Amino acid sequence: MRVSADSSALPAPPSIVIDTNIALDLLVFEDPAWAPLAAVLAAGELRWVATEPMRGELARVLRYPLIARRMAQRALELPAVLADFDARARLVEGVPKRAPYVCSDPDDQMFVDLAVAHRARLLSKDKAVLSMRKRLGTLGVAVQAAFEPLP
């Protein structure tokens, strides 16, 4: 789903940025640990925001042999997984500006940048991202390795 920078008159639900590994857990592996996240996304209580490069990274990772085998075991095909991503995530136009803090893993910087731009919660199990928890917290970004409802 694509959205423009202009929002409707209704207040938008809080935004969340989900890194590729967690997106795989949610979309491919259907890890029960992420069922609460799937439920709040389906209910519209959180808005998953992403960019075209994030979608591209997911498409690339879905072609990795190990992931492709796991998808085949679950009778999932790449177009269906990407369609599920498209249905759940809202692609924002453009690329956000670089966040004041730089991630030691360059592949994860796009997730940090988007979370900062939207003051969104950031879900990641990546150690480089998790090590930024305090710094990103000063910018209004809650970094979590597991989904936890916020008050």
C-alpha atoms as a PDB file:
ATOM      1  CA  MET A   1       0.000   0.000   0.000  1.00  0.00           C
ATOM      2  CA  ARG A   2       1.414   3.401  -0.953  1.00  0.00           C
ATOM      3  CA  VAL A   3       0.635   6.601   0.912  1.00  0.00           C
ATOM      4  CA  SER A   4       1.595  10.158   0.194  1.00  0.00           C
ATOM      5  CA  ALA A   5       3.151  12.537   2.668  1.00  0.00           C
ATOM      6  CA  ASP A   6      -0.304  14.095   3.192  1.00  0.00           C
ATOM      7  CA  SER A   7      -2.438  12.239   5.708  1.00  0.00           C
ATOM      8  CA  SER A   8      -6.175  12.045   5.972  1.00  0.00           C
ATOM      9  CA  ALA A   9      -7.984  14.091   8.610  1.00  0.00           C
ATOM     10  CA  LEU A  10      -8.115  11.092  10.949  1.00  0.00           C
ATOM     11  CA  PRO A  11      -5.150  10.639  13.262  1.00  0.00           C
ATOM     12  CA  ALA A  12      -2.888   7.874  12.028  1.00  0.00           C
ATOM     13  CA  PRO A  13      -2.051   4.980  14.327  1.00  0.00           C
ATOM     14  CA  PRO A  14       1.495   4.913  15.704  1.00  0.00           C
ATOM     15  CA  SER A  15       4.104   3.851  13.167  1.00  0.00           C
ATOM     16  CA  ILE A  16       6.395   0.865  13.377  1.00  0.00           C
ATOM     17  CA  VAL A  17       9.450  -0.054  11.284  1.00  0.00           C
ATOM     18  CA  ILE A  18      10.174  -3.777  10.957  1.00  0.00           C
ATOM     19  CA  ASP A  19      13.554  -5.031   9.807  1.00  0.00           C
ATOM     20  CA  THR A  20      13.937  -7.808   7.259  1.00  0.00           C
ATOM     21  CA  ASN A  21      14.630 -10.635   9.719  1.00  0.00           C
ATOM     22  CA  ILE A  22      11.480  -9.891  11.677  1.00  0.00           C
ATOM     23  CA  ALA A  23       9.525  -9.451   8.441  1.00  0.00           C
ATOM     24  CA  LEU A  24      10.635 -12.988   7.522  1.00  0.00           C
ATOM     25  CA  ASP A  25       9.471 -14.272  10.920  1.00  0.00           C
ATOM     26  CA  LEU A  26       6.118 -12.598  10.354  1.00  0.00           C
ATOM     27  CA  LEU A  27       5.531 -13.288   6.653  1.00  0.00           C
ATOM     28  CA  VAL A  28       7.349 -16.562   5.958  1.00  0.00           C
ATOM     29  CA  PHE A  29       8.000 -18.465   9.162  1.00  0.00           C
ATOM     30  CA  GLU A  30       4.778 -17.397  10.923  1.00  0.00           C
ATOM     31  CA  ASP A  31       6.686 -17.457  14.203  1.00  0.00           C
ATOM     32  CA  PRO A  32       4.101 -17.542  17.031  1.00  0.00           C
ATOM     33  CA  ALA A  33       6.199 -15.014  18.958  1.00  0.00           C
ATOM     34  CA  TRP A  34       5.071 -12.426  16.405  1.00  0.00           C
ATOM     35  CA  ALA A  35       1.344 -13.308  16.502  1.00  0.00           C
ATOM     36  CA  PRO A  36       0.573 -10.309  18.781  1.00  0.00           C
ATOM     37  CA  LEU A  37       2.275  -8.016  16.259  1.00  0.00           C
ATOM     38  CA  ALA A  38       0.319  -9.577  13.391  1.00  0.00           C
ATOM     39  CA  ALA A  39      -2.893  -9.001  15.354  1.00  0.00           C
ATOM     40  CA  VAL A  40      -2.272  -5.294  16.051  1.00  0.00           C
ATOM     41  CA  LEU A  41      -1.233  -4.719  12.438  1.00  0.00           C
ATOM     42  CA  ALA A  42      -4.399  -6.446  11.203  1.00  0.00           C
ATOM     43  CA  ALA A  43      -6.509  -4.387  13.618  1.00  0.00           C
ATOM     44  CA  GLY A  44      -4.929  -1.167  12.358  1.00  0.00           C
ATOM     45  CA  GLU A  45      -3.571  -0.303  15.806  1.00  0.00           C
ATOM     46  CA  LEU A  46      -0.066   0.124  14.372  1.00  0.00           C
ATOM     47  CA  ARG A  47       1.014   1.286  10.923  1.00  0.00           C
ATOM     48  CA  TRP A  48       3.946  -0.629   9.429  1.00  0.00           C
ATOM     49  CA  VAL A  49       5.917   1.893   7.388  1.00  0.00           C
ATOM     50  CA  ALA A  50       8.541   0.836   4.879  1.00  0.00           C
ATOM     51  CA  THR A  51      10.360   2.088   1.813  1.00  0.00           C
ATOM     52  CA  GLU A  52      10.893   0.627  -1.631  1.00  0.00           C
ATOM     53  CA  PRO A  53      14.531  -0.280  -0.743  1.00  0.00           C
ATOM     54  CA  MET A  54      13.234  -2.256   2.268  1.00  0.00           C
ATOM     55  CA  ARG A  55      10.835  -4.131   0.011  1.00  0.00           C
ATOM     56  CA  GLY A  56      13.719  -4.741  -2.391  1.00  0.00           C
ATOM     57  CA  GLU A  57      15.884  -6.144   0.388  1.00  0.00           C
ATOM     58  CA  LEU A  58      13.071  -8.495   1.401  1.00  0.00           C
ATOM     59  CA  ALA A  59      12.681  -9.672  -2.209  1.00  0.00           C
ATOM     60  CA  ARG A  60      16.436 -10.294  -2.427  1.00  0.00           C
ATOM     61  CA  VAL A  61      16.539 -12.237   0.855  1.00  0.00           C
ATOM     62  CA  LEU A  62      13.543 -14.347  -0.179  1.00  0.00           C
ATOM     63  CA  ARG A  63      15.713 -15.658  -3.035  1.00  0.00           C
ATOM     64  CA  TYR A  64      18.435 -16.958  -0.694  1.00  0.00           C
ATOM     65  CA  PRO A  65      18.566 -20.773  -1.037  1.00  0.00           C
ATOM     66  CA  LEU A  66      17.843 -21.454   2.649  1.00  0.00           C
ATOM     67  CA  ILE A  67      14.863 -19.092   2.690  1.00  0.00           C
ATOM     68  CA  ALA A  68      13.602 -20.404  -0.666  1.00  0.00           C
ATOM     69  CA  ARG A  69      13.680 -23.972   0.718  1.00  0.00           C
ATOM     70  CA  ARG A  70      11.742 -22.903   3.828  1.00  0.00           C
ATOM     71  CA  MET A  71       9.200 -21.147   1.622  1.00  0.00           C
ATOM     72  CA  ALA A  72       8.827 -24.271  -0.535  1.00  0.00           C
ATOM     73  CA  GLN A  73       8.225 -26.371   2.601  1.00  0.00           C
ATOM     74  CA  ARG A  74       5.374 -24.004   3.466  1.00  0.00           C
ATOM     75  CA  ALA A  75       4.083 -23.864  -0.130  1.00  0.00           C
ATOM     76  CA  LEU A  76       4.837 -20.133  -0.272  1.00  0.00           C
ATOM     77  CA  GLU A  77       5.970 -18.386  -3.418  1.00  0.00           C
ATOM     78  CA  LEU A  78       7.883 -15.138  -3.625  1.00  0.00           C
ATOM     79  CA  PRO A  79       5.070 -13.140  -5.292  1.00  0.00           C
ATOM     80  CA  ALA A  80       2.636 -14.195  -2.550  1.00  0.00           C
ATOM     81  CA  VAL A  81       5.017 -13.172   0.237  1.00  0.00           C
ATOM     82  CA  LEU A  82       5.622  -9.802  -1.410  1.00  0.00           C
ATOM     83  CA  ALA A  83       1.866  -9.363  -1.867  1.00  0.00           C
ATOM     84  CA  ASP A  84       1.438 -10.045   1.860  1.00  0.00           C
ATOM     85  CA  PHE A  85       4.118  -7.433   2.593  1.00  0.00           C
ATOM     86  CA  ASP A  86       2.350  -4.969   0.288  1.00  0.00           C
ATOM     87  CA  ALA A  87      -0.960  -5.584   2.060  1.00  0.00           C
ATOM     88  CA  ARG A  88       0.476  -5.070   5.544  1.00  0.00           C
ATOM     89  CA  ALA A  89       3.090  -2.349   5.047  1.00  0.00           C
ATOM     90  CA  ARG A  90       2.604   1.197   3.838  1.00  0.00           C
ATOM     91  CA  LEU A  91       5.340   2.253   1.456  1.00  0.00           C
ATOM     92  CA  VAL A  92       6.308   5.841   2.064  1.00  0.00           C
ATOM     93  CA  GLU A  93       7.470   7.946  -0.845  1.00  0.00           C
ATOM     94  CA  GLY A  94      11.067   9.061  -1.012  1.00  0.00           C
ATOM     95  CA  VAL A  95      14.026   8.224   1.139  1.00  0.00           C
ATOM     96  CA  PRO A  96      14.232   9.732   4.617  1.00  0.00           C
ATOM     97  CA  LYS A  97      17.215  11.892   5.447  1.00  0.00           C
ATOM     98  CA  ARG A  98      20.089  10.331   7.335  1.00  0.00           C
ATOM     99  CA  ALA A  99      19.449  10.025  11.072  1.00  0.00           C
ATOM    100  CA  PRO A 100      21.847  11.822  13.427  1.00  0.00           C
ATOM    101  CA  TYR A 101      23.145   8.435  14.582  1.00  0.00           C
ATOM    102  CA  VAL A 102      24.842   5.987  12.232  1.00  0.00           C
ATOM    103  CA  CYS A 103      24.420   2.236  12.578  1.00  0.00           C
ATOM    104  CA  SER A 104      27.592   0.158  12.480  1.00  0.00           C
ATOM    105  CA  ASP A 105      25.830  -2.170  10.015  1.00  0.00           C
ATOM    106  CA  PRO A 106      25.233  -0.115   6.855  1.00  0.00           C
ATOM    107  CA  ASP A 107      22.455  -2.502   5.737  1.00  0.00           C
ATOM    108  CA  ASP A 108      20.413  -1.500   8.787  1.00  0.00           C
ATOM    109  CA  GLN A 109      20.792   2.264   8.393  1.00  0.00           C
ATOM    110  CA  MET A 110      17.674   2.536   6.222  1.00  0.00           C
ATOM    111  CA  PHE A 111      15.558   1.116   9.054  1.00  0.00           C
ATOM    112  CA  VAL A 112      17.081   3.542  11.560  1.00  0.00           C
ATOM    113  CA  ASP A 113      16.583   6.496   9.210  1.00  0.00           C
ATOM    114  CA  LEU A 114      12.923   5.673   8.598  1.00  0.00           C
ATOM    115  CA  ALA A 115      12.197   5.075  12.283  1.00  0.00           C
ATOM    116  CA  VAL A 116      13.741   8.435  13.188  1.00  0.00           C
ATOM    117  CA  ALA A 117      11.909  10.245  10.374  1.00  0.00           C
ATOM    118  CA  HIS A 118       8.561   8.866  11.577  1.00  0.00           C
ATOM    119  CA  ARG A 119       9.384   8.717  15.306  1.00  0.00           C
ATOM    120  CA  ALA A 120       8.380   5.093  14.952  1.00  0.00           C
ATOM    121  CA  ARG A 121       9.017   2.050  17.033  1.00  0.00           C
ATOM    122  CA  LEU A 122      11.805  -0.056  15.471  1.00  0.00           C
ATOM    123  CA  LEU A 123      11.711  -3.851  15.659  1.00  0.00           C
ATOM    124  CA  SER A 124      15.033  -5.559  15.055  1.00  0.00           C
ATOM    125  CA  LYS A 125      17.038  -8.466  16.420  1.00  0.00           C
ATOM    126  CA  ASP A 126      20.228  -7.081  14.890  1.00  0.00           C
ATOM    127  CA  LYS A 127      22.879  -6.383  17.537  1.00  0.00           C
ATOM    128  CA  ALA A 128      24.076  -3.258  15.751  1.00  0.00           C
ATOM    129  CA  VAL A 129      20.564  -1.780  15.900  1.00  0.00           C
ATOM    130  CA  LEU A 130      19.911  -2.928  19.460  1.00  0.00           C
ATOM    131  CA  SER A 131      23.130  -1.253  20.590  1.00  0.00           C
ATOM    132  CA  MET A 132      21.604   2.068  19.475  1.00  0.00           C
ATOM    133  CA  ARG A 133      18.613   1.737  21.817  1.00  0.00           C
ATOM    134  CA  LYS A 134      19.532   4.577  24.192  1.00  0.00           C
ATOM    135  CA  ARG A 135      20.649   6.990  21.486  1.00  0.00           C
ATOM    136  CA  LEU A 136      17.565   6.407  19.371  1.00  0.00           C
ATOM    137  CA  GLY A 137      15.400   6.727  22.468  1.00  0.00           C
ATOM    138  CA  THR A 138      16.522  10.347  22.749  1.00  0.00           C
ATOM    139  CA  LEU A 139      14.960  10.868  19.309  1.00  0.00           C
ATOM    140  CA  GLY A 140      11.628   9.285  20.240  1.00  0.00           C
ATOM    141  CA  VAL A 141      12.371   5.864  18.746  1.00  0.00           C
ATOM    142  CA  ALA A 142      11.735   2.780  20.885  1.00  0.00           C
ATOM    143  CA  VAL A 143      13.951  -0.091  19.707  1.00  0.00           C
ATOM    144  CA  GLN A 144      12.694  -3.580  20.543  1.00  0.00           C
ATOM    145  CA  ALA A 145      13.957  -7.094  19.799  1.00  0.00           C
ATOM    146  CA  ALA A 146      10.541  -8.535  20.653  1.00  0.00           C
ATOM    147  CA  PHE A 147       7.148  -6.969  20.206  1.00  0.00           C
ATOM    148  CA  GLU A 148       5.921  -5.392  23.405  1.00  0.00           C
ATOM    149  CA  PRO A 149       2.820  -3.243  23.578  1.00  0.00           C
ATOM    150  CA  LEU A 150       3.659   0.298  24.601  1.00  0.00           C
ATOM    151  CA  PRO A 151       1.508   2.128  27.156  1.00  0.00           C
END
